[in-house]
Every structure is written in C-alpha cells, then in structure tokens.
Amino acid sequence: MESYLDDNRDVKLLYMQLDEPDGTGHRSGYGINSPDYLQAITKSDQLVGRVLTKMEPLGLDEDSLIIILTDHGGGGADSHSQGSGHPEDMTAFCLGLCRSWHQAGHTSF
C-alpha cells in the first residue's frame, strides 16, 4: 500500500479491506481470550499505522477523512461465531479521523 501511495500522490479514494481478524475469529475464537485473534488485530493495526505514517509526508493527511470500521462483533453466544443477538455480536467498531476537523478544535463528529 505504501508504494501505491508513492505512485498515486493524487489519490482521491483509498479502500483497504483487512479480513484476517474476522477469519481468525471464526477459526480461533473472538475476544480477549484468543491470542490468535488479538495477534490478527495487532497485525491489522500495524498495517493501518503504516498507511497513516506514509500519508503524512505525502501531505495526504491534510484534507482526508479516514474511517475505520468493522461489519460486526463476535464471540457473544459462541466464541467462534457472530450470528446471535448477543451484544458482543451486535457491536461494531467505528472510528473516524480527520486532521482538519481536530485542528479546528472539534472532538467528535
């Protein structure tokens, strides 16, 4: 992804899909009691961090909205599934980052 940003400095939309945490959750279980799941989340976090780090010197962070989200939770009723009505299955993570928004003194969307 970093080389893509080097080659496309005028990028207007960038989409990354990181499936490994979900796949690992199904294989090894979701939640804090699954070391494999936590490792998959850590790896995804590192990948996102590399992209964010690359964006800054290219000036791509100046006027960007970055949205990080999941499509579902997991590990509620069944540690290896996400299909129940349990709150842990129904809770999705969402984070929005916008440098100019925070520089203007805003703290939430």
Protein backbone atom coordinates (compact mmCIF):
# COMPACT_ATOMS: atom_id res chain seq x y z
CA MET A 1 0.00 0.00 0.00
CA GLU A 2 2.86 2.39 0.74
CA SER A 3 4.25 2.01 -2.79
CA TYR A 4 0.76 2.63 -4.20
CA LEU A 5 0.64 5.93 -2.33
CA ASP A 6 4.10 6.85 -3.64
CA ASP A 7 2.94 6.20 -7.19
CA ASN A 8 -0.50 7.84 -6.79
CA ARG A 9 0.02 11.02 -4.82
CA ASP A 10 -3.21 12.49 -6.18
CA VAL A 11 -5.31 9.61 -4.84
CA LYS A 12 -8.89 10.67 -4.04
CA LEU A 13 -10.21 7.42 -2.58
CA LEU A 14 -8.32 4.58 -0.93
CA TYR A 15 -10.02 1.43 0.29
CA MET A 16 -8.40 -1.29 2.38
CA GLN A 17 -10.16 -4.44 3.48
CA LEU A 18 -8.48 -6.42 6.23
CA ASP A 19 -10.27 -9.76 6.57
CA GLU A 20 -7.84 -11.58 8.82
CA PRO A 21 -9.31 -10.62 12.22
CA ASP A 22 -12.71 -11.98 11.17
CA GLY A 23 -11.27 -15.16 9.66
CA THR A 24 -9.13 -15.72 12.74
CA GLY A 25 -12.15 -15.14 14.99
CA HIS A 26 -14.04 -17.89 13.19
CA ARG A 27 -11.04 -20.26 13.34
CA SER A 28 -9.63 -19.49 16.78
CA GLY A 29 -12.36 -17.59 18.59
CA TYR A 30 -13.16 -13.92 19.08
CA GLY A 31 -12.28 -11.86 22.11
CA ILE A 32 -9.55 -11.24 24.62
CA ASN A 33 -9.18 -14.94 25.42
CA SER A 34 -7.99 -15.75 21.88
CA PRO A 35 -4.29 -14.97 21.39
CA ASP A 36 -4.57 -15.63 17.63
CA TYR A 37 -7.44 -13.15 17.34
CA LEU A 38 -5.52 -10.49 19.28
CA GLN A 39 -2.48 -11.10 17.05
CA ALA A 40 -4.63 -10.64 13.92
CA ILE A 41 -5.95 -7.34 15.30
CA THR A 42 -2.40 -6.24 16.14
CA LYS A 43 -1.23 -7.03 12.60
CA SER A 44 -4.15 -5.08 11.11
CA ASP A 45 -3.40 -2.16 13.41
CA GLN A 46 0.21 -2.18 12.24
CA LEU A 47 -0.85 -2.20 8.57
CA VAL A 48 -3.19 0.75 9.10
CA GLY A 49 -0.41 2.52 11.01
CA ARG A 50 1.98 2.06 8.10
CA VAL A 51 -0.53 3.63 5.71
CA LEU A 52 -1.22 6.57 8.05
CA THR A 53 2.52 7.08 8.54
CA LYS A 54 3.03 7.09 4.77
CA MET A 55 0.20 9.59 4.21
CA GLU A 56 1.71 12.33 6.37
CA PRO A 57 4.94 13.11 4.45
CA LEU A 58 2.98 12.97 1.17
CA GLY A 59 0.54 15.58 2.52
CA LEU A 60 -2.37 13.18 2.07
CA ASP A 61 -3.43 13.58 5.69
CA GLU A 62 -4.10 17.31 5.31
CA ASP A 63 -7.57 17.01 3.83
CA SER A 64 -8.55 13.37 4.35
CA LEU A 65 -11.31 11.63 6.19
CA ILE A 66 -10.22 8.22 7.44
CA ILE A 67 -12.90 5.77 8.51
CA ILE A 68 -12.03 2.51 10.21
CA LEU A 69 -14.86 0.09 10.93
CA THR A 70 -15.90 -3.50 11.36
CA ASP A 71 -19.02 -5.12 9.98
CA HIS A 72 -19.90 -6.94 13.21
CA GLY A 73 -18.60 -8.00 16.60
CA GLY A 74 -18.14 -11.59 17.64
CA GLY A 75 -17.74 -14.11 20.41
CA GLY A 76 -21.01 -13.40 22.19
CA ALA A 77 -23.13 -16.54 22.36
CA ASP A 78 -20.44 -18.66 20.62
CA SER A 79 -16.74 -17.81 20.81
CA HIS A 80 -16.25 -18.78 17.14
CA SER A 81 -19.29 -17.03 15.65
CA GLN A 82 -21.02 -13.67 15.39
CA GLY A 83 -24.56 -14.58 14.38
CA SER A 84 -26.51 -14.23 17.61
CA GLY A 85 -28.32 -11.28 19.12
CA HIS A 86 -25.72 -11.09 21.92
CA PRO A 87 -24.39 -7.54 22.42
CA GLU A 88 -20.81 -8.66 21.68
CA ASP A 89 -22.01 -9.97 18.30
CA MET A 90 -24.10 -6.91 17.54
CA THR A 91 -21.47 -4.29 18.42
CA ALA A 92 -19.38 -2.95 15.53
CA PHE A 93 -16.30 -0.77 15.93
CA CYS A 94 -16.19 2.57 14.08
CA LEU A 95 -13.52 5.28 14.20
CA GLY A 96 -13.38 8.48 12.15
CA LEU A 97 -10.22 10.58 11.84
CA CYS A 98 -9.95 13.95 10.16
CA ARG A 99 -6.90 16.12 10.81
CA SER A 100 -8.51 19.45 9.86
CA TRP A 101 -11.57 18.62 11.99
CA HIS A 102 -9.41 18.18 15.09
CA GLN A 103 -7.20 21.16 14.27
CA ALA A 104 -10.35 23.28 14.27
CA GLY A 105 -10.95 22.20 17.87
CA HIS A 106 -13.69 19.62 17.30
CA THR A 107 -13.54 16.48 19.39
CA SER A 108 -16.35 14.35 17.93
CA PHE A 109 -18.42 14.03 14.79
